[in-house]
């Protein structure tokens, strides 16, 4: 189980920029993950600036609840589970998180997508290079997730210098992109 504050910077890039970054570092072998997100019919979790998902990587299923603290910081509650059915979760810790944030029990799957994720670890964080396949499109995202207290934006910009760009928030979350692929961010 992990329960911590997550800081992440994300940017959509072109396929060419993505390939250049992949060639700039020795990324680990990619993992394939399927993300299924849940909410209520009236989008209660979305309206509280949160997201609830079950991520599947091979035979491992991970429950995650994220609640936004500010533009780059989230409270993240995460734990491995034995099911992909949200209604079968009986773990008291997970049920406590759901109760803590007053999430109703009538949640249902709202979207699902597949991500091919490459990772490279730096001293203070991790660079993720994601190819995400949605129902109607594919996009390329770079994410710098940092846990140590440092100037993450300057460090991410140092990485982005390799592709002649700077960090400027240019996209909504993957869940938002999955929910509305008509409102894609402008790709650089």
Protein backbone atom coordinates (compact mmCIF):
# COMPACT_ATOMS: atom_id res chain seq x y z
CA UNK A 1 0.00 0.00 0.00
CA UNK A 2 1.15 3.47 -0.78
CA UNK A 3 -0.38 6.64 0.56
CA UNK A 4 1.53 9.77 -0.24
CA UNK A 5 1.57 13.12 -1.93
CA UNK A 6 2.33 12.86 -5.64
CA UNK A 7 3.85 15.71 -7.66
CA UNK A 8 3.78 15.34 -11.41
CA UNK A 9 4.31 17.49 -14.46
CA UNK A 10 2.84 16.32 -17.76
CA UNK A 11 3.11 17.48 -21.32
CA UNK A 12 1.79 16.11 -24.60
CA UNK A 13 4.40 15.91 -27.33
CA UNK A 14 4.52 14.86 -30.95
CA UNK A 15 5.44 11.31 -31.94
CA UNK A 16 8.80 12.59 -33.21
CA UNK A 17 9.59 14.39 -29.94
CA UNK A 18 8.55 11.28 -28.03
CA UNK A 19 10.91 9.07 -30.06
CA UNK A 20 13.76 11.53 -29.51
CA UNK A 21 13.28 11.38 -25.73
CA UNK A 22 13.14 7.56 -25.87
CA UNK A 23 16.48 7.61 -27.67
CA UNK A 24 18.00 10.07 -25.16
CA UNK A 25 17.83 7.84 -22.06
CA UNK A 26 18.11 4.14 -21.27
CA UNK A 27 14.47 3.54 -20.40
CA UNK A 28 13.39 0.30 -18.76
CA UNK A 29 11.48 -2.25 -20.83
CA UNK A 30 7.95 -0.85 -21.26
CA UNK A 31 5.02 -2.09 -19.24
CA UNK A 32 1.51 -2.35 -20.62
CA UNK A 33 -1.18 -1.14 -18.30
CA UNK A 34 -4.92 -1.00 -18.66
CA UNK A 35 -6.61 1.73 -16.66
CA UNK A 36 -10.31 1.56 -15.87
CA UNK A 37 -11.78 4.66 -14.22
CA UNK A 38 -14.91 4.83 -12.10
CA UNK A 39 -17.36 7.53 -11.09
CA UNK A 40 -21.03 8.06 -10.32
CA UNK A 41 -23.63 9.06 -12.92
CA UNK A 42 -23.46 12.65 -11.63
CA UNK A 43 -19.61 12.63 -11.66
CA UNK A 44 -19.18 13.11 -7.91
CA UNK A 45 -15.52 12.05 -7.96
CA UNK A 46 -14.71 14.37 -10.87
CA UNK A 47 -16.43 17.30 -9.13
CA UNK A 48 -14.28 16.79 -6.05
CA UNK A 49 -11.18 16.98 -8.30
CA UNK A 50 -10.51 13.29 -7.87
CA UNK A 51 -10.09 10.11 -9.86
CA UNK A 52 -10.64 6.48 -8.93
CA UNK A 53 -9.19 3.68 -11.01
CA UNK A 54 -8.14 0.08 -11.15
CA UNK A 55 -4.91 -0.39 -13.08
CA UNK A 56 -4.03 -3.82 -14.41
CA UNK A 57 -0.44 -4.73 -15.26
CA UNK A 58 -0.22 -8.37 -16.35
CA UNK A 59 -1.96 -10.24 -13.48
CA UNK A 60 -1.61 -7.44 -10.92
CA UNK A 61 -4.51 -5.11 -10.11
CA UNK A 62 -3.93 -1.83 -8.29
CA UNK A 63 -6.66 0.33 -6.76
CA UNK A 64 -5.85 4.05 -6.82
CA UNK A 65 -7.74 7.04 -5.48
CA UNK A 66 -6.29 10.46 -6.31
CA UNK A 67 -7.57 13.74 -4.88
CA UNK A 68 -6.14 16.98 -6.27
CA UNK A 69 -4.38 19.26 -3.80
CA UNK A 70 -3.13 21.85 -6.33
CA UNK A 71 -2.17 22.02 -10.02
CA UNK A 72 0.79 19.62 -9.66
CA UNK A 73 0.11 17.83 -6.37
CA UNK A 74 -2.31 15.01 -5.53
CA UNK A 75 -3.06 12.96 -2.47
CA UNK A 76 -2.72 9.41 -3.71
CA UNK A 77 -4.05 6.29 -2.01
CA UNK A 78 -2.96 3.06 -3.65
CA UNK A 79 -3.11 -0.64 -2.83
CA UNK A 80 -2.84 -3.92 -4.70
CA UNK A 81 -6.13 -5.80 -4.91
CA UNK A 82 -7.24 -9.23 -6.13
CA UNK A 83 -10.08 -8.18 -8.43
CA UNK A 84 -10.95 -5.92 -11.35
CA UNK A 85 -14.53 -5.58 -10.10
CA UNK A 86 -14.86 -2.43 -8.00
CA UNK A 87 -17.90 -3.89 -6.23
CA UNK A 88 -15.92 -6.89 -4.97
CA UNK A 89 -13.42 -4.81 -2.97
CA UNK A 90 -13.79 -5.61 0.72
CA UNK A 91 -10.44 -4.34 1.99
CA UNK A 92 -11.13 -2.20 5.10
CA UNK A 93 -8.34 0.27 4.32
CA UNK A 94 -9.68 0.96 0.81
CA UNK A 95 -13.25 1.16 2.11
CA UNK A 96 -11.95 3.68 4.68
CA UNK A 97 -10.48 5.88 1.94
CA UNK A 98 -13.75 5.77 0.05
CA UNK A 99 -15.64 6.71 3.21
CA UNK A 100 -13.11 9.44 4.11
CA UNK A 101 -13.87 11.23 0.84
CA UNK A 102 -17.60 10.47 0.98
CA UNK A 103 -17.57 8.53 -2.29
CA UNK A 104 -20.93 6.80 -2.84
CA UNK A 105 -21.17 3.07 -3.48
CA UNK A 106 -22.99 3.52 -6.80
CA UNK A 107 -19.77 3.99 -8.78
CA UNK A 108 -19.43 2.36 -12.17
CA UNK A 109 -16.81 2.11 -14.94
CA UNK A 110 -16.78 5.28 -17.05
CA UNK A 111 -13.77 4.76 -19.32
CA UNK A 112 -10.87 2.44 -20.00
CA UNK A 113 -7.68 2.80 -22.02
CA UNK A 114 -4.28 1.17 -22.58
CA UNK A 115 -0.90 2.77 -21.89
CA UNK A 116 2.54 1.58 -22.93
CA UNK A 117 4.80 3.13 -20.27
CA UNK A 118 8.57 3.58 -20.42
CA UNK A 119 10.32 4.76 -17.24
CA UNK A 120 13.70 6.23 -16.42
CA UNK A 121 14.76 6.97 -12.85
CA UNK A 122 16.60 10.13 -11.88
CA UNK A 123 17.95 10.94 -8.42
CA UNK A 124 14.86 12.94 -7.39
CA UNK A 125 12.12 11.49 -9.55
CA UNK A 126 11.05 9.42 -12.50
CA UNK A 127 10.49 10.28 -16.15
CA UNK A 128 7.58 8.39 -17.70
CA UNK A 129 7.09 8.28 -21.46
CA UNK A 130 3.57 7.09 -22.25
CA UNK A 131 1.91 6.01 -25.48
CA UNK A 132 -1.79 5.91 -24.65
CA UNK A 133 -4.42 4.33 -26.88
CA UNK A 134 -7.93 5.64 -26.42
CA UNK A 135 -11.02 4.62 -28.31
CA UNK A 136 -10.49 7.12 -31.13
CA UNK A 137 -6.89 8.30 -30.90
CA UNK A 138 -3.35 7.74 -29.63
CA UNK A 139 -1.28 10.35 -27.83
CA UNK A 140 2.28 10.74 -26.55
CA UNK A 141 2.90 12.13 -23.09
CA UNK A 142 5.97 12.86 -21.01
CA UNK A 143 5.54 12.98 -17.25
CA UNK A 144 8.05 13.90 -14.60
CA UNK A 145 6.94 12.56 -11.22
CA UNK A 146 9.02 13.71 -8.30
CA UNK A 147 8.95 12.83 -4.64
CA UNK A 148 12.00 14.71 -3.33
CA UNK A 149 11.56 18.39 -2.68
CA UNK A 150 13.39 20.17 -5.49
CA UNK A 151 12.67 22.48 -8.42
CA UNK A 152 10.89 19.88 -10.54
CA UNK A 153 9.89 22.35 -13.23
CA UNK A 154 13.50 23.40 -13.89
CA UNK A 155 14.61 19.77 -13.94
CA UNK A 156 11.81 18.77 -16.31
CA UNK A 157 12.70 21.71 -18.56
CA UNK A 158 16.29 20.43 -18.63
CA UNK A 159 14.95 17.09 -19.93
CA UNK A 160 12.68 18.84 -22.45
CA UNK A 161 15.61 20.85 -23.84
CA UNK A 162 16.45 17.64 -25.77
CA UNK A 163 13.30 18.18 -27.84
CA UNK A 164 13.41 21.98 -27.99
CA UNK A 165 10.40 22.61 -25.79
CA UNK A 166 9.61 23.85 -22.29
CA UNK A 167 7.11 22.70 -19.72
CA UNK A 168 3.84 24.46 -20.15
CA UNK A 169 0.76 22.62 -19.05
CA UNK A 170 -0.82 21.72 -22.38
CA UNK A 171 -3.17 18.90 -21.57
CA UNK A 172 -5.79 17.61 -19.19
CA UNK A 173 -5.35 14.29 -17.42
CA UNK A 174 -5.57 10.98 -19.29
CA UNK A 175 -9.02 10.38 -17.85
CA UNK A 176 -10.21 13.76 -19.18
CA UNK A 177 -8.69 12.99 -22.59
CA UNK A 178 -10.38 9.60 -22.61
CA UNK A 179 -13.73 11.12 -21.70
CA UNK A 180 -13.58 13.74 -24.39
CA UNK A 181 -11.29 12.99 -27.28
CA UNK A 182 -12.83 15.86 -29.21
CA UNK A 183 -11.08 18.34 -26.87
CA UNK A 184 -7.51 17.18 -27.37
CA UNK A 185 -4.72 19.45 -26.30
CA UNK A 186 -2.66 21.13 -28.96
CA UNK A 187 0.29 18.89 -29.69
CA UNK A 188 3.67 20.52 -29.96
